């Protein structure tokens, strides 16, 4: 499984989703706009508050992906 977190302009890291097999559990801020499609996490309805860094970690806490997003 993996865990996806988001770090925004304020520097605070928040949990976006945890994915284990076919089971995806998302925080309430993201629940209605996240989908997992063919092993990709899809985030819809982006706003400027989504500008920041999304980090993917495995279950051991190792970083396996970092994506920086800018929404203007």
PDB file of N, CA and C in Angstrom:
ATOM      1  N   UNK A   1       0.815  -1.194   0.000  1.00  0.00           N
ATOM      2  CA  UNK A   1       0.000   0.000   0.000  1.00  0.00           C
ATOM      3  C   UNK A   1       0.854   1.252   0.000  1.00  0.00           C
ATOM      4  N   UNK A   2       0.225   2.361  -0.319  1.00  0.00           N
ATOM      5  CA  UNK A   2       0.923   3.644  -0.321  1.00  0.00           C
ATOM      6  C   UNK A   2       0.081   4.687   0.401  1.00  0.00           C
ATOM      7  N   UNK A   3       0.744   5.769   0.776  1.00  0.00           N
ATOM      8  CA  UNK A   3       0.093   6.905   1.411  1.00  0.00           C
ATOM      9  C   UNK A   3       0.477   8.150   0.630  1.00  0.00           C
ATOM     10  N   UNK A   4      -0.506   8.995   0.353  1.00  0.00           N
ATOM     11  CA  UNK A   4      -0.261  10.238  -0.372  1.00  0.00           C
ATOM     12  C   UNK A   4      -0.531  11.398   0.576  1.00  0.00           C
ATOM     13  N   UNK A   5       0.457  12.293   0.691  1.00  0.00           N
ATOM     14  CA  UNK A   5       0.288  13.480   1.528  1.00  0.00           C
ATOM     15  C   UNK A   5       0.479  14.730   0.679  1.00  0.00           C
ATOM     16  N   UNK A   6      -0.005  15.844   1.201  1.00  0.00           N
ATOM     17  CA  UNK A   6       0.102  17.125   0.514  1.00  0.00           C
ATOM     18  C   UNK A   6       0.729  18.143   1.450  1.00  0.00           C
ATOM     19  N   UNK A   7       1.692  18.894   0.935  1.00  0.00           N
ATOM     20  CA  UNK A   7       2.285  20.002   1.677  1.00  0.00           C
ATOM     21  C   UNK A   7       2.045  21.281   0.889  1.00  0.00           C
ATOM     22  N   UNK A   8       1.282  22.188   1.463  1.00  0.00           N
ATOM     23  CA  UNK A   8       0.932  23.433   0.784  1.00  0.00           C
ATOM     24  C   UNK A   8       1.842  24.571   1.163  1.00  0.00           C
ATOM     25  N   UNK A   9       1.402  25.770   0.822  1.00  0.00           N
ATOM     26  CA  UNK A   9       2.206  26.971   1.066  1.00  0.00           C
ATOM     27  C   UNK A   9       2.508  27.190   2.544  1.00  0.00           C
ATOM     28  N   UNK A  10       1.607  26.743   3.420  1.00  0.00           N
ATOM     29  CA  UNK A  10       1.805  26.965   4.854  1.00  0.00           C
ATOM     30  C   UNK A  10       2.808  25.987   5.463  1.00  0.00           C
ATOM     31  N   UNK A  11       3.256  25.013   4.680  1.00  0.00           N
ATOM     32  CA  UNK A  11       4.259  24.073   5.156  1.00  0.00           C
ATOM     33  C   UNK A  11       3.714  22.899   5.938  1.00  0.00           C
ATOM     34  N   UNK A  12       2.415  22.880   6.184  1.00  0.00           N
ATOM     35  CA  UNK A  12       1.815  21.779   6.937  1.00  0.00           C
ATOM     36  C   UNK A  12       1.554  20.597   6.003  1.00  0.00           C
ATOM     37  N   UNK A  13       1.897  19.397   6.463  1.00  0.00           N
ATOM     38  CA  UNK A  13       1.663  18.191   5.669  1.00  0.00           C
ATOM     39  C   UNK A  13       0.354  17.552   6.108  1.00  0.00           C
ATOM     40  N   UNK A  14      -0.522  17.261   5.134  1.00  0.00           N
ATOM     41  CA  UNK A  14      -1.804  16.644   5.450  1.00  0.00           C
ATOM     42  C   UNK A  14      -1.979  15.386   4.620  1.00  0.00           C
ATOM     43  N   UNK A  15      -2.694  14.422   5.181  1.00  0.00           N
ATOM     44  CA  UNK A  15      -2.956  13.167   4.484  1.00  0.00           C
ATOM     45  C   UNK A  15      -4.006  13.389   3.406  1.00  0.00           C
ATOM     46  N   UNK A  16      -3.718  12.930   2.196  1.00  0.00           N
ATOM     47  CA  UNK A  16      -4.694  12.977   1.110  1.00  0.00           C
ATOM     48  C   UNK A  16      -5.433  11.650   1.064  1.00  0.00           C
ATOM     49  N   UNK A  17      -4.687  10.556   0.853  1.00  0.00           N
ATOM     50  CA  UNK A  17      -5.274   9.227   0.727  1.00  0.00           C
ATOM     51  C   UNK A  17      -4.303   8.151   1.173  1.00  0.00           C
ATOM     52  N   UNK A  18      -4.883   7.029   1.573  1.00  0.00           N
ATOM     53  CA  UNK A  18      -4.137   5.791   1.742  1.00  0.00           C
ATOM     54  C   UNK A  18      -4.720   4.793   0.756  1.00  0.00           C
ATOM     55  N   UNK A  19      -3.856   4.095   0.037  1.00  0.00           N
ATOM     56  CA  UNK A  19      -4.309   3.119  -0.951  1.00  0.00           C
ATOM     57  C   UNK A  19      -3.707   1.766  -0.603  1.00  0.00           C
ATOM     58  N   UNK A  20      -4.572   0.768  -0.390  1.00  0.00           N
ATOM     59  CA  UNK A  20      -4.134  -0.601  -0.134  1.00  0.00           C
ATOM     60  C   UNK A  20      -4.905  -1.511  -1.079  1.00  0.00           C
ATOM     61  N   UNK A  21      -4.211  -2.078  -2.050  1.00  0.00           N
ATOM     62  CA  UNK A  21      -4.899  -2.906  -3.043  1.00  0.00           C
ATOM     63  C   UNK A  21      -5.930  -2.081  -3.783  1.00  0.00           C
ATOM     64  N   UNK A  22      -7.180  -2.547  -3.762  1.00  0.00           N
ATOM     65  CA  UNK A  22      -8.262  -1.817  -4.424  1.00  0.00           C
ATOM     66  C   UNK A  22      -8.990  -0.874  -3.476  1.00  0.00           C
ATOM     67  N   UNK A  23      -8.507  -0.774  -2.235  1.00  0.00           N
ATOM     68  CA  UNK A  23      -9.179   0.033  -1.221  1.00  0.00           C
ATOM     69  C   UNK A  23      -8.496   1.389  -1.074  1.00  0.00           C
ATOM     70  N   UNK A  24      -9.236   2.454  -1.337  1.00  0.00           N
ATOM     71  CA  UNK A  24      -8.710   3.815  -1.218  1.00  0.00           C
ATOM     72  C   UNK A  24      -9.467   4.543  -0.122  1.00  0.00           C
ATOM     73  N   UNK A  25      -8.740   5.070   0.858  1.00  0.00           N
ATOM     74  CA  UNK A  25      -9.346   5.835   1.944  1.00  0.00           C
ATOM     75  C   UNK A  25      -8.780   7.244   1.897  1.00  0.00           C
ATOM     76  N   UNK A  26      -9.660   8.232   1.698  1.00  0.00           N
ATOM     77  CA  UNK A  26      -9.208   9.613   1.551  1.00  0.00           C
ATOM     78  C   UNK A  26      -9.742  10.476   2.682  1.00  0.00           C
ATOM     79  N   UNK A  27      -9.021  11.555   2.979  1.00  0.00           N
ATOM     80  CA  UNK A  27      -9.502  12.519   3.969  1.00  0.00           C
ATOM     81  C   UNK A  27     -10.714  13.252   3.399  1.00  0.00           C
ATOM     82  N   UNK A  28     -11.504  13.832   4.278  1.00  0.00           N
ATOM     83  CA  UNK A  28     -12.754  14.465   3.852  1.00  0.00           C
ATOM     84  C   UNK A  28     -12.527  15.608   2.866  1.00  0.00           C
ATOM     85  N   UNK A  29     -11.375  16.284   2.963  1.00  0.00           N
ATOM     86  CA  UNK A  29     -11.082  17.378   2.033  1.00  0.00           C
ATOM     87  C   UNK A  29     -10.917  16.898   0.596  1.00  0.00           C
ATOM     88  N   UNK A  30     -10.549  15.633   0.428  1.00  0.00           N
ATOM     89  CA  UNK A  30     -10.230  15.116  -0.905  1.00  0.00           C
ATOM     90  C   UNK A  30     -11.196  14.033  -1.379  1.00  0.00           C
ATOM     91  N   UNK A  31     -12.002  13.495  -0.486  1.00  0.00           N
ATOM     92  CA  UNK A  31     -12.811  12.314  -0.779  1.00  0.00           C
ATOM     93  C   UNK A  31     -13.632  12.439  -2.058  1.00  0.00           C
ATOM     94  N   UNK A  32     -14.266  13.577  -2.269  1.00  0.00           N
ATOM     95  CA  UNK A  32     -15.177  13.756  -3.401  1.00  0.00           C
ATOM     96  C   UNK A  32     -14.465  14.091  -4.707  1.00  0.00           C
ATOM     97  N   UNK A  33     -13.138  14.280  -4.675  1.00  0.00           N
ATOM     98  CA  UNK A  33     -12.461  14.675  -5.914  1.00  0.00           C
ATOM     99  C   UNK A  33     -11.240  13.835  -6.248  1.00  0.00           C
ATOM    100  N   UNK A  34     -11.133  12.672  -5.612  1.00  0.00           N
ATOM    101  CA  UNK A  34     -10.023  11.764  -5.896  1.00  0.00           C
ATOM    102  C   UNK A  34     -10.561  10.463  -6.477  1.00  0.00           C
ATOM    103  N   UNK A  35      -9.870   9.946  -7.485  1.00  0.00           N
ATOM    104  CA  UNK A  35     -10.183   8.627  -8.032  1.00  0.00           C
ATOM    105  C   UNK A  35      -8.872   7.919  -8.325  1.00  0.00           C
ATOM    106  N   UNK A  36      -8.893   6.600  -8.223  1.00  0.00           N
ATOM    107  CA  UNK A  36      -7.734   5.800  -8.613  1.00  0.00           C
ATOM    108  C   UNK A  36      -8.093   5.096  -9.913  1.00  0.00           C
ATOM    109  N   UNK A  37      -7.314   5.383 -10.961  1.00  0.00           N
ATOM    110  CA  UNK A  37      -7.574   4.830 -12.291  1.00  0.00           C
ATOM    111  C   UNK A  37      -6.283   4.202 -12.806  1.00  0.00           C
ATOM    112  N   UNK A  38      -6.290   2.888 -13.020  1.00  0.00           N
ATOM    113  CA  UNK A  38      -5.102   2.188 -13.538  1.00  0.00           C
ATOM    114  C   UNK A  38      -3.833   2.546 -12.770  1.00  0.00           C
ATOM    115  N   UNK A  39      -3.898   2.478 -11.452  1.00  0.00           N
ATOM    116  CA  UNK A  39      -2.766   2.768 -10.563  1.00  0.00           C
ATOM    117  C   UNK A  39      -2.347   4.233 -10.554  1.00  0.00           C
ATOM    118  N   UNK A  40      -3.134   5.108 -11.144  1.00  0.00           N
ATOM    119  CA  UNK A  40      -2.879   6.545 -11.073  1.00  0.00           C
ATOM    120  C   UNK A  40      -3.882   7.171 -10.118  1.00  0.00           C
ATOM    121  N   UNK A  41      -3.414   8.092  -9.287  1.00  0.00           N
ATOM    122  CA  UNK A  41      -4.307   8.863  -8.433  1.00  0.00           C
ATOM    123  C   UNK A  41      -4.709  10.109  -9.203  1.00  0.00           C
ATOM    124  N   UNK A  42      -5.996  10.284  -9.434  1.00  0.00           N
ATOM    125  CA  UNK A  42      -6.502  11.407 -10.221  1.00  0.00           C
ATOM    126  C   UNK A  42      -7.195  12.382  -9.279  1.00  0.00           C
ATOM    127  N   UNK A  43      -6.750  13.642  -9.306  1.00  0.00           N
ATOM    128  CA  UNK A  43      -7.331  14.690  -8.469  1.00  0.00           C
ATOM    129  C   UNK A  43      -8.056  15.678  -9.369  1.00  0.00           C
ATOM    130  N   UNK A  44      -9.355  15.866  -9.108  1.00  0.00           N
ATOM    131  CA  UNK A  44     -10.193  16.739  -9.936  1.00  0.00           C
ATOM    132  C   UNK A  44     -10.459  18.063  -9.218  1.00  0.00           C
ATOM    133  N   UNK A  45     -11.018  18.998  -9.960  1.00  0.00           N
ATOM    134  CA  UNK A  45     -11.479  20.281  -9.423  1.00  0.00           C
ATOM    135  C   UNK A  45     -10.366  21.014  -8.670  1.00  0.00           C
ATOM    136  N   UNK A  46      -9.212  21.136  -9.317  1.00  0.00           N
ATOM    137  CA  UNK A  46      -8.077  21.810  -8.685  1.00  0.00           C
ATOM    138  C   UNK A  46      -8.339  23.301  -8.512  1.00  0.00           C
ATOM    139  N   UNK A  47      -7.865  23.833  -7.404  1.00  0.00           N
ATOM    140  CA  UNK A  47      -7.913  25.271  -7.158  1.00  0.00           C
ATOM    141  C   UNK A  47      -6.516  25.726  -6.752  1.00  0.00           C
ATOM    142  N   UNK A  48      -6.348  27.039  -6.580  1.00  0.00           N
ATOM    143  CA  UNK A  48      -5.027  27.550  -6.208  1.00  0.00           C
ATOM    144  C   UNK A  48      -4.555  26.998  -4.867  1.00  0.00           C
ATOM    145  N   UNK A  49      -5.481  26.576  -4.010  1.00  0.00           N
ATOM    146  CA  UNK A  49      -5.073  26.008  -2.718  1.00  0.00           C
ATOM    147  C   UNK A  49      -4.458  24.619  -2.866  1.00  0.00           C
ATOM    148  N   UNK A  50      -4.547  24.031  -4.067  1.00  0.00           N
ATOM    149  CA  UNK A  50      -3.895  22.745  -4.333  1.00  0.00           C
ATOM    150  C   UNK A  50      -2.450  22.926  -4.789  1.00  0.00           C
ATOM    151  N   UNK A  51      -1.978  24.163  -4.875  1.00  0.00           N
ATOM    152  CA  UNK A  51      -0.584  24.415  -5.235  1.00  0.00           C
ATOM    153  C   UNK A  51       0.305  23.947  -4.090  1.00  0.00           C
ATOM    154  N   UNK A  52       1.224  23.049  -4.412  1.00  0.00           N
ATOM    155  CA  UNK A  52       2.117  22.515  -3.390  1.00  0.00           C
ATOM    156  C   UNK A  52       2.723  21.207  -3.850  1.00  0.00           C
ATOM    157  N   UNK A  53       3.109  20.375  -2.888  1.00  0.00           N
ATOM    158  CA  UNK A  53       3.807  19.135  -3.188  1.00  0.00           C
ATOM    159  C   UNK A  53       3.011  17.941  -2.688  1.00  0.00           C
ATOM    160  N   UNK A  54       2.760  17.010  -3.594  1.00  0.00           N
ATOM    161  CA  UNK A  54       2.124  15.743  -3.247  1.00  0.00           C
ATOM    162  C   UNK A  54       3.218  14.685  -3.167  1.00  0.00           C
ATOM    163  N   UNK A  55       3.284  13.971  -2.047  1.00  0.00           N
ATOM    164  CA  UNK A  55       4.328  12.977  -1.813  1.00  0.00           C
ATOM    165  C   UNK A  55       3.696  11.609  -1.638  1.00  0.00           C
ATOM    166  N   UNK A  56       4.270  10.602  -2.310  1.00  0.00           N
ATOM    167  CA  UNK A  56       3.800   9.222  -2.192  1.00  0.00           C
ATOM    168  C   UNK A  56       4.848   8.433  -1.416  1.00  0.00           C
ATOM    169  N   UNK A  57       4.394   7.743  -0.360  1.00  0.00           N
ATOM    170  CA  UNK A  57       5.293   6.911   0.444  1.00  0.00           C
ATOM    171  C   UNK A  57       4.756   5.490   0.501  1.00  0.00           C
ATOM    172  N   UNK A  58       5.687   4.524   0.561  1.00  0.00           N
ATOM    173  CA  UNK A  58       5.255   3.146   0.742  1.00  0.00           C
ATOM    174  C   UNK A  58       4.951   2.906   2.216  1.00  0.00           C
ATOM    175  N   UNK A  59       4.523   1.667   2.539  1.00  0.00           N
ATOM    176  CA  UNK A  59       4.100   1.386   3.911  1.00  0.00           C
ATOM    177  C   UNK A  59       5.246   1.448   4.915  1.00  0.00           C
ATOM    178  N   UNK A  60       6.489   1.466   4.438  1.00  0.00           N
ATOM    179  CA  UNK A  60       7.645   1.603   5.321  1.00  0.00           C
ATOM    180  C   UNK A  60       8.029   3.071   5.525  1.00  0.00           C
ATOM    181  N   UNK A  61       7.321   3.982   4.837  1.00  0.00           N
ATOM    182  CA  UNK A  61       7.601   5.404   4.971  1.00  0.00           C
ATOM    183  C   UNK A  61       8.618   5.934   3.981  1.00  0.00           C
ATOM    184  N   UNK A  62       9.081   5.064   3.065  1.00  0.00           N
ATOM    185  CA  UNK A  62      10.045   5.506   2.050  1.00  0.00           C
ATOM    186  C   UNK A  62       9.329   6.309   0.966  1.00  0.00           C
ATOM    187  N   UNK A  63       9.922   7.432   0.577  1.00  0.00           N
ATOM    188  CA  UNK A  63       9.339   8.259  -0.486  1.00  0.00           C
ATOM    189  C   UNK A  63       9.552   7.570  -1.828  1.00  0.00           C
ATOM    190  N   UNK A  64       8.458   7.342  -2.557  1.00  0.00           N
ATOM    191  CA  UNK A  64       8.560   6.697  -3.873  1.00  0.00           C
ATOM    192  C   UNK A  64       8.111   7.623  -4.999  1.00  0.00           C
ATOM    193  N   UNK A  65       7.595   8.789  -4.655  1.00  0.00           N
ATOM    194  CA  UNK A  65       7.209   9.743  -5.690  1.00  0.00           C
ATOM    195  C   UNK A  65       6.921  11.105  -5.101  1.00  0.00           C
ATOM    196  N   UNK A  66       7.342  12.151  -5.812  1.00  0.00           N
ATOM    197  CA  UNK A  66       7.070  13.526  -5.396  1.00  0.00           C
ATOM    198  C   UNK A  66       6.586  14.290  -6.620  1.00  0.00           C
ATOM    199  N   UNK A  67       5.441  14.935  -6.490  1.00  0.00           N
ATOM    200  CA  UNK A  67       4.897  15.726  -7.588  1.00  0.00           C
ATOM    201  C   UNK A  67       4.590  17.127  -7.088  1.00  0.00           C
ATOM    202  N   UNK A  68       5.158  18.117  -7.761  1.00  0.00           N
ATOM    203  CA  UNK A  68       4.889  19.506  -7.413  1.00  0.00           C
ATOM    204  C   UNK A  68       3.845  20.048  -8.379  1.00  0.00           C
ATOM    205  N   UNK A  69       2.786  20.620  -7.817  1.00  0.00           N
ATOM    206  CA  UNK A  69       1.660  21.096  -8.614  1.00  0.00           C
ATOM    207  C   UNK A  69       1.518  22.601  -8.416  1.00  0.00           C
ATOM    208  N   UNK A  70       1.342  23.324  -9.525  1.00  0.00           N
ATOM    209  CA  UNK A  70       1.065  24.759  -9.460  1.00  0.00           C
ATOM    210  C   UNK A  70      -0.262  25.024 -10.162  1.00  0.00           C
ATOM    211  N   UNK A  71      -1.205  25.600  -9.425  1.00  0.00           N
ATOM    212  CA  UNK A  71      -2.499  25.966  -9.993  1.00  0.00           C
ATOM    213  C   UNK A  71      -2.631  27.474  -9.868  1.00  0.00           C
ATOM    214  N   UNK A  72      -2.805  28.142 -11.008  1.00  0.00           N
ATOM    215  CA  UNK A  72      -2.882  29.608 -10.991  1.00  0.00           C
ATOM    216  C   UNK A  72      -4.320  30.076 -11.104  1.00  0.00           C
TER     217      UNK A  72
END
